[in-house]
Amino acid sequence: MRRVDVAYAFIFNEIEQKVLMVKNKGSGWSLPGGAVEKGETFEQAAMRESKEEINLTIKTENIVAVNEAFFESKGHHALFITYKAKL
């Protein structure tokens, strides 16, 4: 089974008590993020994907979540790392 690495950015506005989310085409809402490319760290992927998806530069902080999911019908499993981030 092939592993897919995915990085997300959790961007929380403490003053307004809001989380920045993106609307995905053909599916629901998610945090900004996506697949880690070859030669890239999870942290670099979270920053790159945020720039691509919301056109904002972020600074990652600590890891706030590590999750794993198995997609047997697709023949892979995914490792998700979520970073707390600031604009």
C-alpha atoms as a PDB file:
ATOM      1  CA  MET A   1       0.000   0.000   0.000  1.00  0.00           C
ATOM      2  CA  ARG A   2       1.446   3.368  -1.050  1.00  0.00           C
ATOM      3  CA  ARG A   3       1.704   6.167   1.533  1.00  0.00           C
ATOM      4  CA  VAL A   4       0.639   9.727   0.748  1.00  0.00           C
ATOM      5  CA  ASP A   5       1.935  12.512   3.016  1.00  0.00           C
ATOM      6  CA  VAL A   6      -0.317  15.537   3.528  1.00  0.00           C
ATOM      7  CA  ALA A   7       0.343  18.786   5.396  1.00  0.00           C
ATOM      8  CA  TYR A   8      -2.243  21.283   6.656  1.00  0.00           C
ATOM      9  CA  ALA A   9      -2.136  24.745   8.223  1.00  0.00           C
ATOM     10  CA  PHE A  10      -4.452  25.529  11.140  1.00  0.00           C
ATOM     11  CA  ILE A  11      -4.802  29.324  11.038  1.00  0.00           C
ATOM     12  CA  PHE A  12      -6.834  30.604  13.977  1.00  0.00           C
ATOM     13  CA  ASN A  13      -7.756  34.247  14.519  1.00  0.00           C
ATOM     14  CA  GLU A  14      -7.901  34.504  18.308  1.00  0.00           C
ATOM     15  CA  ILE A  15      -9.543  37.944  18.312  1.00  0.00           C
ATOM     16  CA  GLU A  16     -12.446  36.942  16.053  1.00  0.00           C
ATOM     17  CA  GLN A  17     -12.423  33.274  17.157  1.00  0.00           C
ATOM     18  CA  LYS A  18     -12.397  32.090  13.524  1.00  0.00           C
ATOM     19  CA  VAL A  19     -10.533  29.362  11.638  1.00  0.00           C
ATOM     20  CA  LEU A  20      -9.461  29.959   8.036  1.00  0.00           C
ATOM     21  CA  MET A  21     -10.887  27.220   5.788  1.00  0.00           C
ATOM     22  CA  VAL A  22     -10.906  26.583   2.031  1.00  0.00           C
ATOM     23  CA  LYS A  23     -13.805  25.310  -0.089  1.00  0.00           C
ATOM     24  CA  ASN A  24     -12.611  22.350  -2.152  1.00  0.00           C
ATOM     25  CA  LYS A  25     -13.991  21.785  -5.653  1.00  0.00           C
ATOM     26  CA  GLY A  26     -16.394  18.864  -5.628  1.00  0.00           C
ATOM     27  CA  SER A  27     -16.132  18.281  -1.893  1.00  0.00           C
ATOM     28  CA  GLY A  28     -16.429  20.043   1.431  1.00  0.00           C
ATOM     29  CA  TRP A  29     -14.342  22.434   3.442  1.00  0.00           C
ATOM     30  CA  SER A  30     -10.832  21.813   4.765  1.00  0.00           C
ATOM     31  CA  LEU A  31      -7.833  23.550   6.213  1.00  0.00           C
ATOM     32  CA  PRO A  32      -5.391  24.927   3.628  1.00  0.00           C
ATOM     33  CA  GLY A  33      -3.014  22.139   2.688  1.00  0.00           C
ATOM     34  CA  GLY A  34      -2.219  19.255   0.421  1.00  0.00           C
ATOM     35  CA  ALA A  35       0.223  16.587  -0.625  1.00  0.00           C
ATOM     36  CA  VAL A  36       3.898  16.827   0.252  1.00  0.00           C
ATOM     37  CA  GLU A  37       5.997  16.913  -2.916  1.00  0.00           C
ATOM     38  CA  LYS A  38       9.211  14.932  -3.427  1.00  0.00           C
ATOM     39  CA  GLY A  39      12.137  16.540  -1.576  1.00  0.00           C
ATOM     40  CA  GLU A  40       9.834  18.739   0.505  1.00  0.00           C
ATOM     41  CA  THR A  41       9.224  18.640   4.255  1.00  0.00           C
ATOM     42  CA  PHE A  42       5.748  18.614   5.770  1.00  0.00           C
ATOM     43  CA  GLU A  43       6.369  22.149   6.994  1.00  0.00           C
ATOM     44  CA  GLN A  44       7.432  23.381   3.552  1.00  0.00           C
ATOM     45  CA  ALA A  45       4.356  21.751   2.018  1.00  0.00           C
ATOM     46  CA  ALA A  46       2.021  23.476   4.488  1.00  0.00           C
ATOM     47  CA  MET A  47       3.568  26.851   3.616  1.00  0.00           C
ATOM     48  CA  ARG A  48       3.531  26.211  -0.159  1.00  0.00           C
ATOM     49  CA  GLU A  49      -0.030  24.902  -0.200  1.00  0.00           C
ATOM     50  CA  SER A  50      -1.246  27.878   1.839  1.00  0.00           C
ATOM     51  CA  LYS A  51       0.341  30.241  -0.680  1.00  0.00           C
ATOM     52  CA  GLU A  52      -1.227  28.325  -3.584  1.00  0.00           C
ATOM     53  CA  GLU A  53      -4.706  27.958  -2.073  1.00  0.00           C
ATOM     54  CA  ILE A  54      -5.259  31.231  -0.203  1.00  0.00           C
ATOM     55  CA  ASN A  55      -2.457  33.390  -1.643  1.00  0.00           C
ATOM     56  CA  LEU A  56      -1.151  34.196   1.829  1.00  0.00           C
ATOM     57  CA  THR A  57       2.272  33.658   3.352  1.00  0.00           C
ATOM     58  CA  ILE A  58       2.194  31.790   6.642  1.00  0.00           C
ATOM     59  CA  LYS A  59       4.655  31.028   9.396  1.00  0.00           C
ATOM     60  CA  THR A  60       4.262  27.555  10.835  1.00  0.00           C
ATOM     61  CA  GLU A  61       4.520  26.974  14.555  1.00  0.00           C
ATOM     62  CA  ASN A  62       4.094  23.676  16.363  1.00  0.00           C
ATOM     63  CA  ILE A  63       2.405  20.487  15.162  1.00  0.00           C
ATOM     64  CA  VAL A  64      -1.130  20.334  16.544  1.00  0.00           C
ATOM     65  CA  ALA A  65      -2.347  17.063  15.045  1.00  0.00           C
ATOM     66  CA  VAL A  66      -1.084  13.863  13.465  1.00  0.00           C
ATOM     67  CA  ASN A  67      -3.671  11.662  11.784  1.00  0.00           C
ATOM     68  CA  GLU A  68      -3.598   8.606   9.579  1.00  0.00           C
ATOM     69  CA  ALA A  69      -6.230   7.155   7.245  1.00  0.00           C
ATOM     70  CA  PHE A  70      -6.344   4.030   5.102  1.00  0.00           C
ATOM     71  CA  PHE A  71      -8.008   4.135   1.677  1.00  0.00           C
ATOM     72  CA  GLU A  72      -8.034   0.500   0.626  1.00  0.00           C
ATOM     73  CA  SER A  73     -10.177   1.155  -2.449  1.00  0.00           C
ATOM     74  CA  LYS A  74      -7.536   3.619  -3.694  1.00  0.00           C
ATOM     75  CA  GLY A  75      -4.598   1.459  -2.632  1.00  0.00           C
ATOM     76  CA  HIS A  76      -2.945   3.957  -0.317  1.00  0.00           C
ATOM     77  CA  HIS A  77      -2.873   5.294   3.169  1.00  0.00           C
ATOM     78  CA  ALA A  78      -2.306   8.900   4.169  1.00  0.00           C
ATOM     79  CA  LEU A  79      -0.351  10.520   6.948  1.00  0.00           C
ATOM     80  CA  PHE A  80      -1.691  13.993   7.826  1.00  0.00           C
ATOM     81  CA  ILE A  81       0.395  16.518   9.783  1.00  0.00           C
ATOM     82  CA  THR A  82      -1.331  19.753  10.849  1.00  0.00           C
ATOM     83  CA  TYR A  83       0.657  22.811  11.926  1.00  0.00           C
ATOM     84  CA  LYS A  84      -0.590  25.768  13.892  1.00  0.00           C
ATOM     85  CA  ALA A  85       0.226  28.758  11.697  1.00  0.00           C
ATOM     86  CA  LYS A  86       0.063  32.539  11.596  1.00  0.00           C
ATOM     87  CA  LEU A  87      -0.308  34.883   8.647  1.00  0.00           C
END
